[in-house]
Amino acid sequence: MKSKNLEISVLCDIYSALLPEKQKDALDYYYNEDLSLSEIAEHAGISRQGVRDQIKHAEAQLMEFENALHLYEKMQKTERLLNQLSELSHNINNERLSSIIEELRSLHELQE
């Protein structure tokens, strides 16, 4: 299997509740617990190929969710904009603006 992908891990955090339980578990073991396909297969009582298929199907499903909803893309854009606003607020030294930015940042972090 190709190298593990950070984007898939983030997409899993966002969309995993939409996946079937077995696919969600396989992704969690593979990406978050860093288990091998063989270890996951032993734990799940299925073949290594079965685990690989579950992971591939789940990854494809996550990409479909992202292509339809764009939540990860929106989170990245929000983070960029918050950083830009934060830099600007420091330049003009406006406490109210800084406070609003921090409140937005805390809401954004709750979504992650």
PDB file of N, CA and C in Angstrom:
ATOM      1  N   MET A   1       0.851  -1.179   0.000  1.00  0.00           N
ATOM      2  CA  MET A   1       0.000   0.000   0.000  1.00  0.00           C
ATOM      3  C   MET A   1       0.889   1.232   0.000  1.00  0.00           C
ATOM      4  N   LYS A   2       0.506   2.276  -0.776  1.00  0.00           N
ATOM      5  CA  LYS A   2       1.329   3.470  -0.851  1.00  0.00           C
ATOM      6  C   LYS A   2       1.420   4.163   0.509  1.00  0.00           C
ATOM      7  N   SER A   3       2.328   5.134   0.598  1.00  0.00           N
ATOM      8  CA  SER A   3       2.565   5.791   1.878  1.00  0.00           C
ATOM      9  C   SER A   3       1.275   6.389   2.437  1.00  0.00           C
ATOM     10  N   LYS A   4       1.207   6.386   3.738  1.00  0.00           N
ATOM     11  CA  LYS A   4       0.020   6.902   4.406  1.00  0.00           C
ATOM     12  C   LYS A   4      -0.120   8.388   4.125  1.00  0.00           C
ATOM     13  N   ASN A   5      -1.327   8.827   3.984  1.00  0.00           N
ATOM     14  CA  ASN A   5      -1.603  10.174   3.537  1.00  0.00           C
ATOM     15  C   ASN A   5      -2.260  10.973   4.660  1.00  0.00           C
ATOM     16  N   LEU A   6      -1.657  12.106   4.992  1.00  0.00           N
ATOM     17  CA  LEU A   6      -2.194  12.954   6.066  1.00  0.00           C
ATOM     18  C   LEU A   6      -3.579  13.467   5.708  1.00  0.00           C
ATOM     19  N   GLU A   7      -3.784  13.763   4.439  1.00  0.00           N
ATOM     20  CA  GLU A   7      -5.098  14.270   4.019  1.00  0.00           C
ATOM     21  C   GLU A   7      -6.192  13.252   4.331  1.00  0.00           C
ATOM     22  N   ILE A   8      -5.930  11.982   4.076  1.00  0.00           N
ATOM     23  CA  ILE A   8      -6.928  10.942   4.371  1.00  0.00           C
ATOM     24  C   ILE A   8      -7.220  10.912   5.873  1.00  0.00           C
ATOM     25  N   SER A   9      -6.193  11.063   6.679  1.00  0.00           N
ATOM     26  CA  SER A   9      -6.388  11.066   8.126  1.00  0.00           C
ATOM     27  C   SER A   9      -7.291  12.224   8.558  1.00  0.00           C
ATOM     28  N   VAL A  10      -7.068  13.404   7.978  1.00  0.00           N
ATOM     29  CA  VAL A  10      -7.897  14.562   8.304  1.00  0.00           C
ATOM     30  C   VAL A  10      -9.321  14.350   7.796  1.00  0.00           C
ATOM     31  N   LEU A  11      -9.452  13.848   6.570  1.00  0.00           N
ATOM     32  CA  LEU A  11     -10.782  13.574   6.032  1.00  0.00           C
ATOM     33  C   LEU A  11     -11.522  12.556   6.897  1.00  0.00           C
ATOM     34  N   CYS A  12     -10.792  11.602   7.425  1.00  0.00           N
ATOM     35  CA  CYS A  12     -11.388  10.610   8.317  1.00  0.00           C
ATOM     36  C   CYS A  12     -11.930  11.291   9.582  1.00  0.00           C
ATOM     37  N   ASP A  13     -11.157  12.230  10.109  1.00  0.00           N
ATOM     38  CA  ASP A  13     -11.621  12.975  11.287  1.00  0.00           C
ATOM     39  C   ASP A  13     -12.922  13.721  10.988  1.00  0.00           C
ATOM     40  N   ILE A  14     -13.028  14.256   9.787  1.00  0.00           N
ATOM     41  CA  ILE A  14     -14.197  15.052   9.418  1.00  0.00           C
ATOM     42  C   ILE A  14     -15.413  14.172   9.090  1.00  0.00           C
ATOM     43  N   TYR A  15     -15.199  13.151   8.286  1.00  0.00           N
ATOM     44  CA  TYR A  15     -16.323  12.411   7.699  1.00  0.00           C
ATOM     45  C   TYR A  15     -16.517  10.986   8.221  1.00  0.00           C
ATOM     46  N   SER A  16     -15.717  10.534   9.161  1.00  0.00           N
ATOM     47  CA  SER A  16     -15.774   9.112   9.549  1.00  0.00           C
ATOM     48  C   SER A  16     -17.149   8.663  10.036  1.00  0.00           C
ATOM     49  N   ALA A  17     -17.918   9.561  10.613  1.00  0.00           N
ATOM     50  CA  ALA A  17     -19.247   9.183  11.098  1.00  0.00           C
ATOM     51  C   ALA A  17     -20.175   8.749   9.960  1.00  0.00           C
ATOM     52  N   LEU A  18     -19.811   9.098   8.733  1.00  0.00           N
ATOM     53  CA  LEU A  18     -20.632   8.752   7.581  1.00  0.00           C
ATOM     54  C   LEU A  18     -20.272   7.397   6.974  1.00  0.00           C
ATOM     55  N   LEU A  19     -19.199   6.812   7.454  1.00  0.00           N
ATOM     56  CA  LEU A  19     -18.723   5.532   6.922  1.00  0.00           C
ATOM     57  C   LEU A  19     -19.338   4.350   7.672  1.00  0.00           C
ATOM     58  N   PRO A  20     -19.445   3.196   6.997  1.00  0.00           N
ATOM     59  CA  PRO A  20     -19.831   1.980   7.717  1.00  0.00           C
ATOM     60  C   PRO A  20     -18.801   1.677   8.816  1.00  0.00           C
ATOM     61  N   GLU A  21     -19.238   1.062   9.870  1.00  0.00           N
ATOM     62  CA  GLU A  21     -18.399   0.811  11.046  1.00  0.00           C
ATOM     63  C   GLU A  21     -17.104   0.065  10.707  1.00  0.00           C
ATOM     64  N   LYS A  22     -17.189  -0.953   9.868  1.00  0.00           N
ATOM     65  CA  LYS A  22     -15.991  -1.737   9.540  1.00  0.00           C
ATOM     66  C   LYS A  22     -14.966  -0.899   8.779  1.00  0.00           C
ATOM     67  N   GLN A  23     -15.422  -0.064   7.858  1.00  0.00           N
ATOM     68  CA  GLN A  23     -14.504   0.810   7.134  1.00  0.00           C
ATOM     69  C   GLN A  23     -13.891   1.848   8.067  1.00  0.00           C
ATOM     70  N   LYS A  24     -14.719   2.399   8.932  1.00  0.00           N
ATOM     71  CA  LYS A  24     -14.237   3.398   9.895  1.00  0.00           C
ATOM     72  C   LYS A  24     -13.170   2.783  10.805  1.00  0.00           C
ATOM     73  N   ASP A  25     -13.425   1.572  11.289  1.00  0.00           N
ATOM     74  CA  ASP A  25     -12.459   0.894  12.156  1.00  0.00           C
ATOM     75  C   ASP A  25     -11.149   0.614  11.420  1.00  0.00           C
ATOM     76  N   ALA A  26     -11.262   0.137  10.169  1.00  0.00           N
ATOM     77  CA  ALA A  26     -10.059  -0.168   9.396  1.00  0.00           C
ATOM     78  C   ALA A  26      -9.209   1.088   9.190  1.00  0.00           C
ATOM     79  N   LEU A  27      -9.853   2.203   8.859  1.00  0.00           N
ATOM     80  CA  LEU A  27      -9.112   3.463   8.687  1.00  0.00           C
ATOM     81  C   LEU A  27      -8.474   3.919   9.993  1.00  0.00           C
ATOM     82  N   ASP A  28      -9.225   3.793  11.073  1.00  0.00           N
ATOM     83  CA  ASP A  28      -8.704   4.213  12.374  1.00  0.00           C
ATOM     84  C   ASP A  28      -7.474   3.399  12.754  1.00  0.00           C
ATOM     85  N   TYR A  29      -7.566   2.091  12.604  1.00  0.00           N
ATOM     86  CA  TYR A  29      -6.413   1.241  12.927  1.00  0.00           C
ATOM     87  C   TYR A  29      -5.218   1.564  12.024  1.00  0.00           C
ATOM     88  N   TYR A  30      -5.478   1.787  10.762  1.00  0.00           N
ATOM     89  CA  TYR A  30      -4.400   1.999   9.807  1.00  0.00           C
ATOM     90  C   TYR A  30      -3.764   3.380   9.949  1.00  0.00           C
ATOM     91  N   TYR A  31      -4.583   4.416  10.005  1.00  0.00           N
ATOM     92  CA  TYR A  31      -4.049   5.781  10.026  1.00  0.00           C
ATOM     93  C   TYR A  31      -3.743   6.307  11.424  1.00  0.00           C
ATOM     94  N   ASN A  32      -4.595   5.995  12.387  1.00  0.00           N
ATOM     95  CA  ASN A  32      -4.404   6.568  13.734  1.00  0.00           C
ATOM     96  C   ASN A  32      -3.613   5.659  14.667  1.00  0.00           C
ATOM     97  N   GLU A  33      -3.844   4.350  14.557  1.00  0.00           N
ATOM     98  CA  GLU A  33      -3.134   3.401  15.420  1.00  0.00           C
ATOM     99  C   GLU A  33      -1.854   2.883  14.772  1.00  0.00           C
ATOM    100  N   ASP A  34      -1.690   3.170  13.491  1.00  0.00           N
ATOM    101  CA  ASP A  34      -0.504   2.780  12.720  1.00  0.00           C
ATOM    102  C   ASP A  34      -0.288   1.261  12.699  1.00  0.00           C
ATOM    103  N   LEU A  35      -1.392   0.522  12.622  1.00  0.00           N
ATOM    104  CA  LEU A  35      -1.290  -0.930  12.518  1.00  0.00           C
ATOM    105  C   LEU A  35      -1.079  -1.331  11.058  1.00  0.00           C
ATOM    106  N   SER A  36      -0.426  -2.444  10.837  1.00  0.00           N
ATOM    107  CA  SER A  36      -0.229  -2.965   9.483  1.00  0.00           C
ATOM    108  C   SER A  36      -1.516  -3.630   9.009  1.00  0.00           C
ATOM    109  N   LEU A  37      -1.586  -3.884   7.712  1.00  0.00           N
ATOM    110  CA  LEU A  37      -2.747  -4.585   7.163  1.00  0.00           C
ATOM    111  C   LEU A  37      -2.915  -5.959   7.808  1.00  0.00           C
ATOM    112  N   SER A  38      -1.799  -6.639   8.023  1.00  0.00           N
ATOM    113  CA  SER A  38      -1.853  -7.966   8.652  1.00  0.00           C
ATOM    114  C   SER A  38      -2.381  -7.884  10.078  1.00  0.00           C
ATOM    115  N   GLU A  39      -1.949  -6.895  10.829  1.00  0.00           N
ATOM    116  CA  GLU A  39      -2.421  -6.735  12.210  1.00  0.00           C
ATOM    117  C   GLU A  39      -3.915  -6.437  12.246  1.00  0.00           C
ATOM    118  N   ILE A  40      -4.362  -5.580  11.333  1.00  0.00           N
ATOM    119  CA  ILE A  40      -5.787  -5.251  11.278  1.00  0.00           C
ATOM    120  C   ILE A  40      -6.589  -6.483  10.875  1.00  0.00           C
ATOM    121  N   ALA A  41      -6.072  -7.234   9.903  1.00  0.00           N
ATOM    122  CA  ALA A  41      -6.754  -8.451   9.444  1.00  0.00           C
ATOM    123  C   ALA A  41      -6.922  -9.436  10.584  1.00  0.00           C
ATOM    124  N   GLU A  42      -5.880  -9.621  11.367  1.00  0.00           N
ATOM    125  CA  GLU A  42      -5.945 -10.536  12.505  1.00  0.00           C
ATOM    126  C   GLU A  42      -6.988 -10.074  13.509  1.00  0.00           C
ATOM    127  N   HIS A  43      -6.987  -8.783  13.783  1.00  0.00           N
ATOM    128  CA  HIS A  43      -7.942  -8.218  14.741  1.00  0.00           C
ATOM    129  C   HIS A  43      -9.379  -8.343  14.242  1.00  0.00           C
ATOM    130  N   ALA A  44      -9.594  -8.116  12.932  1.00  0.00           N
ATOM    131  CA  ALA A  44     -10.942  -8.137  12.361  1.00  0.00           C
ATOM    132  C   ALA A  44     -11.406  -9.531  11.949  1.00  0.00           C
ATOM    133  N   GLY A  45     -10.471 -10.472  11.905  1.00  0.00           N
ATOM    134  CA  GLY A  45     -10.830 -11.822  11.515  1.00  0.00           C
ATOM    135  C   GLY A  45     -11.119 -11.954  10.022  1.00  0.00           C
ATOM    136  N   ILE A  46     -10.444 -11.143   9.212  1.00  0.00           N
ATOM    137  CA  ILE A  46     -10.591 -11.226   7.760  1.00  0.00           C
ATOM    138  C   ILE A  46      -9.206 -11.274   7.124  1.00  0.00           C
ATOM    139  N   SER A  47      -9.172 -11.438   5.810  1.00  0.00           N
ATOM    140  CA  SER A  47      -7.884 -11.510   5.121  1.00  0.00           C
ATOM    141  C   SER A  47      -7.242 -10.124   5.012  1.00  0.00           C
ATOM    142  N   ARG A  48      -5.950 -10.155   4.765  1.00  0.00           N
ATOM    143  CA  ARG A  48      -5.198  -8.915   4.549  1.00  0.00           C
ATOM    144  C   ARG A  48      -5.777  -8.168   3.344  1.00  0.00           C
ATOM    145  N   GLN A  49      -6.127  -8.920   2.292  1.00  0.00           N
ATOM    146  CA  GLN A  49      -6.736  -8.325   1.096  1.00  0.00           C
ATOM    147  C   GLN A  49      -8.087  -7.691   1.420  1.00  0.00           C
ATOM    148  N   GLY A  50      -8.847  -8.335   2.299  1.00  0.00           N
ATOM    149  CA  GLY A  50     -10.134  -7.778   2.729  1.00  0.00           C
ATOM    150  C   GLY A  50      -9.959  -6.437   3.424  1.00  0.00           C
ATOM    151  N   VAL A  51      -8.937  -6.347   4.267  1.00  0.00           N
ATOM    152  CA  VAL A  51      -8.644  -5.087   4.956  1.00  0.00           C
ATOM    153  C   VAL A  51      -8.249  -4.022   3.943  1.00  0.00           C
ATOM    154  N   ARG A  52      -7.374  -4.408   3.014  1.00  0.00           N
ATOM    155  CA  ARG A  52      -6.930  -3.461   1.984  1.00  0.00           C
ATOM    156  C   ARG A  52      -8.125  -2.931   1.198  1.00  0.00           C
ATOM    157  N   ASP A  53      -9.048  -3.825   0.837  1.00  0.00           N
ATOM    158  CA  ASP A  53     -10.243  -3.418   0.094  1.00  0.00           C
ATOM    159  C   ASP A  53     -11.105  -2.460   0.914  1.00  0.00           C
ATOM    160  N   GLN A  54     -11.278  -2.763   2.209  1.00  0.00           N
ATOM    161  CA  GLN A  54     -12.058  -1.875   3.085  1.00  0.00           C
ATOM    162  C   GLN A  54     -11.430  -0.482   3.125  1.00  0.00           C
ATOM    163  N   ILE A  55     -10.119  -0.428   3.279  1.00  0.00           N
ATOM    164  CA  ILE A  55      -9.426   0.850   3.367  1.00  0.00           C
ATOM    165  C   ILE A  55      -9.553   1.617   2.054  1.00  0.00           C
ATOM    166  N   LYS A  56      -9.346   0.946   0.935  1.00  0.00           N
ATOM    167  CA  LYS A  56      -9.450   1.598  -0.376  1.00  0.00           C
ATOM    168  C   LYS A  56     -10.858   2.132  -0.619  1.00  0.00           C
ATOM    169  N   HIS A  57     -11.863   1.336  -0.290  1.00  0.00           N
ATOM    170  CA  HIS A  57     -13.244   1.790  -0.461  1.00  0.00           C
ATOM    171  C   HIS A  57     -13.540   2.981   0.459  1.00  0.00           C
ATOM    172  N   ALA A  58     -13.060   2.912   1.677  1.00  0.00           N
ATOM    173  CA  ALA A  58     -13.287   4.005   2.626  1.00  0.00           C
ATOM    174  C   ALA A  58     -12.585   5.279   2.162  1.00  0.00           C
ATOM    175  N   GLU A  59     -11.349   5.156   1.680  1.00  0.00           N
ATOM    176  CA  GLU A  59     -10.623   6.327   1.180  1.00  0.00           C
ATOM    177  C   GLU A  59     -11.375   6.961   0.010  1.00  0.00           C
ATOM    178  N   ALA A  60     -11.870   6.129  -0.898  1.00  0.00           N
ATOM    179  CA  ALA A  60     -12.634   6.639  -2.041  1.00  0.00           C
ATOM    180  C   ALA A  60     -13.900   7.345  -1.576  1.00  0.00           C
ATOM    181  N   GLN A  61     -14.547   6.769  -0.575  1.00  0.00           N
ATOM    182  CA  GLN A  61     -15.766   7.365  -0.030  1.00  0.00           C
ATOM    183  C   GLN A  61     -15.460   8.718   0.616  1.00  0.00           C
ATOM    184  N   LEU A  62     -14.368   8.803   1.361  1.00  0.00           N
ATOM    185  CA  LEU A  62     -13.974  10.073   1.983  1.00  0.00           C
ATOM    186  C   LEU A  62     -13.724  11.147   0.928  1.00  0.00           C
ATOM    187  N   MET A  63     -13.067  10.756  -0.161  1.00  0.00           N
ATOM    188  CA  MET A  63     -12.793  11.715  -1.234  1.00  0.00           C
ATOM    189  C   MET A  63     -14.099  12.168  -1.895  1.00  0.00           C
ATOM    190  N   GLU A  64     -15.054  11.259  -2.033  1.00  0.00           N
ATOM    191  CA  GLU A  64     -16.360  11.640  -2.581  1.00  0.00           C
ATOM    192  C   GLU A  64     -17.072  12.628  -1.662  1.00  0.00           C
ATOM    193  N   PHE A  65     -17.019  12.378  -0.365  1.00  0.00           N
ATOM    194  CA  PHE A  65     -17.630  13.307   0.589  1.00  0.00           C
ATOM    195  C   PHE A  65     -16.987  14.689   0.471  1.00  0.00           C
ATOM    196  N   GLU A  66     -15.658  14.713   0.408  1.00  0.00           N
ATOM    197  CA  GLU A  66     -14.960  15.998   0.312  1.00  0.00           C
ATOM    198  C   GLU A  66     -15.272  16.699  -1.014  1.00  0.00           C
ATOM    199  N   ASN A  67     -15.325  15.947  -2.098  1.00  0.00           N
ATOM    200  CA  ASN A  67     -15.646  16.542  -3.397  1.00  0.00           C
ATOM    201  C   ASN A  67     -17.056  17.128  -3.419  1.00  0.00           C
ATOM    202  N   ALA A  68     -17.955  16.550  -2.646  1.00  0.00           N
ATOM    203  CA  ALA A  68     -19.334  17.047  -2.594  1.00  0.00           C
ATOM    204  C   ALA A  68     -19.505  18.195  -1.601  1.00  0.00           C
ATOM    205  N   LEU A  69     -18.833  18.101  -0.442  1.00  0.00           N
ATOM    206  CA  LEU A  69     -19.083  19.052   0.635  1.00  0.00           C
ATOM    207  C   LEU A  69     -17.981  20.102   0.847  1.00  0.00           C
ATOM    208  N   HIS A  70     -16.768  19.764   0.484  1.00  0.00           N
ATOM    209  CA  HIS A  70     -15.618  20.687   0.574  1.00  0.00           C
ATOM    210  C   HIS A  70     -15.349  21.201   1.998  1.00  0.00           C
ATOM    211  N   LEU A  71     -15.631  20.399   3.006  1.00  0.00           N
ATOM    212  CA  LEU A  71     -15.421  20.855   4.384  1.00  0.00           C
ATOM    213  C   LEU A  71     -13.945  21.038   4.720  1.00  0.00           C
ATOM    214  N   TYR A  72     -13.100  20.129   4.272  1.00  0.00           N
ATOM    215  CA  TYR A  72     -11.662  20.247   4.540  1.00  0.00           C
ATOM    216  C   TYR A  72     -11.105  21.476   3.832  1.00  0.00           C
ATOM    217  N   GLU A  73     -11.501  21.660   2.611  1.00  0.00           N
ATOM    218  CA  GLU A  73     -11.063  22.831   1.844  1.00  0.00           C
ATOM    219  C   GLU A  73     -11.490  24.126   2.552  1.00  0.00           C
ATOM    220  N   LYS A  74     -12.718  24.154   3.049  1.00  0.00           N
ATOM    221  CA  LYS A  74     -13.229  25.339   3.749  1.00  0.00           C
ATOM    222  C   LYS A  74     -12.485  25.561   5.062  1.00  0.00           C
ATOM    223  N   MET A  75     -12.141  24.475   5.755  1.00  0.00           N
ATOM    224  CA  MET A  75     -11.380  24.611   7.002  1.00  0.00           C
ATOM    225  C   MET A  75     -10.002  25.202   6.731  1.00  0.00           C
ATOM    226  N   GLN A  76      -9.352  24.749   5.669  1.00  0.00           N
ATOM    227  CA  GLN A  76      -8.035  25.278   5.328  1.00  0.00           C
ATOM    228  C   GLN A  76      -8.116  26.758   4.961  1.00  0.00           C
ATOM    229  N   LYS A  77      -9.124  27.126   4.183  1.00  0.00           N
ATOM    230  CA  LYS A  77      -9.298  28.525   3.788  1.00  0.00           C
ATOM    231  C   LYS A  77      -9.593  29.398   5.017  1.00  0.00           C
ATOM    232  N   THR A  78     -10.436  28.903   5.901  1.00  0.00           N
ATOM    233  CA  THR A  78     -10.748  29.643   7.123  1.00  0.00           C
ATOM    234  C   THR A  78      -9.487  29.875   7.957  1.00  0.00           C
ATOM    235  N   GLU A  79      -8.660  28.853   8.069  1.00  0.00           N
ATOM    236  CA  GLU A  79      -7.413  28.979   8.830  1.00  0.00           C
ATOM    237  C   GLU A  79      -6.498  30.026   8.200  1.00  0.00           C
ATOM    238  N   ARG A  80      -6.375  30.000   6.884  1.00  0.00           N
ATOM    239  CA  ARG A  80      -5.552  31.002   6.181  1.00  0.00           C
ATOM    240  C   ARG A  80      -6.065  32.416   6.428  1.00  0.00           C
ATOM    241  N   LEU A  81      -7.373  32.585   6.315  1.00  0.00           N
ATOM    242  CA  LEU A  81      -7.965  33.907   6.514  1.00  0.00           C
ATOM    243  C   LEU A  81      -7.813  34.384   7.959  1.00  0.00           C
ATOM    244  N   LEU A  82      -7.977  33.479   8.897  1.00  0.00           N
ATOM    245  CA  LEU A  82      -7.780  33.839  10.305  1.00  0.00           C
ATOM    246  C   LEU A  82      -6.349  34.287  10.560  1.00  0.00           C
ATOM    247  N   ASN A  83      -5.402  33.591   9.973  1.00  0.00           N
ATOM    248  CA  ASN A  83      -3.999  33.985  10.129  1.00  0.00           C
ATOM    249  C   ASN A  83      -3.739  35.357   9.529  1.00  0.00           C
ATOM    250  N   GLN A  84      -4.310  35.627   8.371  1.00  0.00           N
ATOM    251  CA  GLN A  84      -4.146  36.931   7.747  1.00  0.00           C
ATOM    252  C   GLN A  84      -4.781  38.031   8.593  1.00  0.00           C
ATOM    253  N   LEU A  85      -5.979  37.778   9.090  1.00  0.00           N
ATOM    254  CA  LEU A  85      -6.647  38.750   9.958  1.00  0.00           C
ATOM    255  C   LEU A  85      -5.844  39.002  11.230  1.00  0.00           C
ATOM    256  N   SER A  86      -5.307  37.957  11.786  1.00  0.00           N
ATOM    257  CA  SER A  86      -4.514  38.084  12.998  1.00  0.00           C
ATOM    258  C   SER A  86      -3.296  38.971  12.755  1.00  0.00           C
ATOM    259  N   GLU A  87      -2.618  38.765  11.638  1.00  0.00           N
ATOM    260  CA  GLU A  87      -1.465  39.599  11.301  1.00  0.00           C
ATOM    261  C   GLU A  87      -1.879  41.054  11.138  1.00  0.00           C
ATOM    262  N   LEU A  88      -2.982  41.284  10.443  1.00  0.00           N
ATOM    263  CA  LEU A  88      -3.457  42.653  10.243  1.00  0.00           C
ATOM    264  C   LEU A  88      -3.847  43.318  11.556  1.00  0.00           C
ATOM    265  N   SER A  89      -4.485  42.561  12.433  1.00  0.00           N
ATOM    266  CA  SER A  89      -4.934  43.147  13.698  1.00  0.00           C
ATOM    267  C   SER A  89      -3.752  43.565  14.562  1.00  0.00           C
ATOM    268  N   HIS A  90      -2.646  42.824  14.488  1.00  0.00           N
ATOM    269  CA  HIS A  90      -1.457  43.203  15.248  1.00  0.00           C
ATOM    270  C   HIS A  90      -0.870  44.503  14.716  1.00  0.00           C
ATOM    271  N   ASN A  91      -0.959  44.697  13.408  1.00  0.00           N
ATOM    272  CA  ASN A  91      -0.423  45.907  12.791  1.00  0.00           C
ATOM    273  C   ASN A  91      -1.212  47.156  13.167  1.00  0.00           C
ATOM    274  N   ILE A  92      -2.532  46.996  13.359  1.00  0.00           N
ATOM    275  CA  ILE A  92      -3.328  48.170  13.700  1.00  0.00           C
ATOM    276  C   ILE A  92      -3.646  48.247  15.191  1.00  0.00           C
ATOM    277  N   ASN A  93      -3.256  47.220  15.924  1.00  0.00           N
ATOM    278  CA  ASN A  93      -3.396  47.200  17.377  1.00  0.00           C
ATOM    279  C   ASN A  93      -4.818  47.552  17.845  1.00  0.00           C
ATOM    280  N   ASN A  94      -5.789  46.786  17.359  1.00  0.00           N
ATOM    281  CA  ASN A  94      -7.178  46.992  17.722  1.00  0.00           C
ATOM    282  C   ASN A  94      -7.617  45.832  18.608  1.00  0.00           C
ATOM    283  N   GLU A  95      -7.865  46.119  19.873  1.00  0.00           N
ATOM    284  CA  GLU A  95      -8.195  45.052  20.824  1.00  0.00           C
ATOM    285  C   GLU A  95      -9.505  44.344  20.489  1.00  0.00           C
ATOM    286  N   ARG A  96     -10.509  45.108  20.050  1.00  0.00           N
ATOM    287  CA  ARG A  96     -11.803  44.506  19.726  1.00  0.00           C
ATOM    288  C   ARG A  96     -11.651  43.541  18.540  1.00  0.00           C
ATOM    289  N   LEU A  97     -10.923  43.961  17.526  1.00  0.00           N
ATOM    290  CA  LEU A  97     -10.682  43.103  16.373  1.00  0.00           C
ATOM    291  C   LEU A  97      -9.915  41.850  16.789  1.00  0.00           C
ATOM    292  N   SER A  98      -8.914  42.006  17.623  1.00  0.00           N
ATOM    293  CA  SER A  98      -8.140  40.857  18.107  1.00  0.00           C
ATOM    294  C   SER A  98      -9.033  39.888  18.877  1.00  0.00           C
ATOM    295  N   SER A  99      -9.935  40.437  19.660  1.00  0.00           N
ATOM    296  CA  SER A  99     -10.854  39.606  20.434  1.00  0.00           C
ATOM    297  C   SER A  99     -11.779  38.801  19.516  1.00  0.00           C
ATOM    298  N   ILE A 100     -12.300  39.442  18.491  1.00  0.00           N
ATOM    299  CA  ILE A 100     -13.180  38.759  17.539  1.00  0.00           C
ATOM    300  C   ILE A 100     -12.414  37.660  16.813  1.00  0.00           C
ATOM    301  N   ILE A 101     -11.196  37.952  16.419  1.00  0.00           N
ATOM    302  CA  ILE A 101     -10.372  36.961  15.721  1.00  0.00           C
ATOM    303  C   ILE A 101     -10.125  35.754  16.619  1.00  0.00           C
ATOM    304  N   GLU A 102      -9.818  35.991  17.885  1.00  0.00           N
ATOM    305  CA  GLU A 102      -9.583  34.875  18.804  1.00  0.00           C
ATOM    306  C   GLU A 102     -10.844  34.049  19.011  1.00  0.00           C
ATOM    307  N   GLU A 103     -12.003  34.719  19.049  1.00  0.00           N
ATOM    308  CA  GLU A 103     -13.257  33.989  19.183  1.00  0.00           C
ATOM    309  C   GLU A 103     -13.506  33.122  17.941  1.00  0.00           C
ATOM    310  N   LEU A 104     -13.253  33.681  16.762  1.00  0.00           N
ATOM    311  CA  LEU A 104     -13.381  32.907  15.531  1.00  0.00           C
ATOM    312  C   LEU A 104     -12.408  31.737  15.511  1.00  0.00           C
ATOM    313  N   ARG A 105     -11.185  31.977  15.962  1.00  0.00           N
ATOM    314  CA  ARG A 105     -10.176  30.912  15.985  1.00  0.00           C
ATOM    315  C   ARG A 105     -10.619  29.768  16.907  1.00  0.00           C
ATOM    316  N   SER A 106     -11.189  30.099  18.053  1.00  0.00           N
ATOM    317  CA  SER A 106     -11.631  29.047  18.969  1.00  0.00           C
ATOM    318  C   SER A 106     -12.807  28.259  18.375  1.00  0.00           C
ATOM    319  N   LEU A 107     -13.694  28.930  17.651  1.00  0.00           N
ATOM    320  CA  LEU A 107     -14.776  28.212  16.972  1.00  0.00           C
ATOM    321  C   LEU A 107     -14.228  27.302  15.879  1.00  0.00           C
ATOM    322  N   HIS A 108     -13.253  27.801  15.162  1.00  0.00           N
ATOM    323  CA  HIS A 108     -12.625  27.015  14.093  1.00  0.00           C
ATOM    324  C   HIS A 108     -11.943  25.782  14.687  1.00  0.00           C
ATOM    325  N   GLU A 109     -11.268  25.926  15.809  1.00  0.00           N
ATOM    326  CA  GLU A 109     -10.571  24.802  16.428  1.00  0.00           C
ATOM    327  C   GLU A 109     -11.558  23.757  16.931  1.00  0.00           C
ATOM    328  N   LEU A 110     -12.741  24.189  17.356  1.00  0.00           N
ATOM    329  CA  LEU A 110     -13.765  23.225  17.774  1.00  0.00           C
ATOM    330  C   LEU A 110     -14.211  22.362  16.611  1.00  0.00           C
ATOM    331  N   GLN A 111     -14.218  22.918  15.404  1.00  0.00           N
ATOM    332  CA  GLN A 111     -14.621  22.173  14.228  1.00  0.00           C
ATOM    333  C   GLN A 111     -13.594  21.142  13.834  1.00  0.00           C
ATOM    334  N   GLU A 112     -12.348  21.365  14.153  1.00  0.00           N
ATOM    335  CA  GLU A 112     -11.280  20.417  13.820  1.00  0.00           C
ATOM    336  C   GLU A 112     -11.377  19.287  14.758  1.00  0.00           C
TER     337      GLU A 112
END
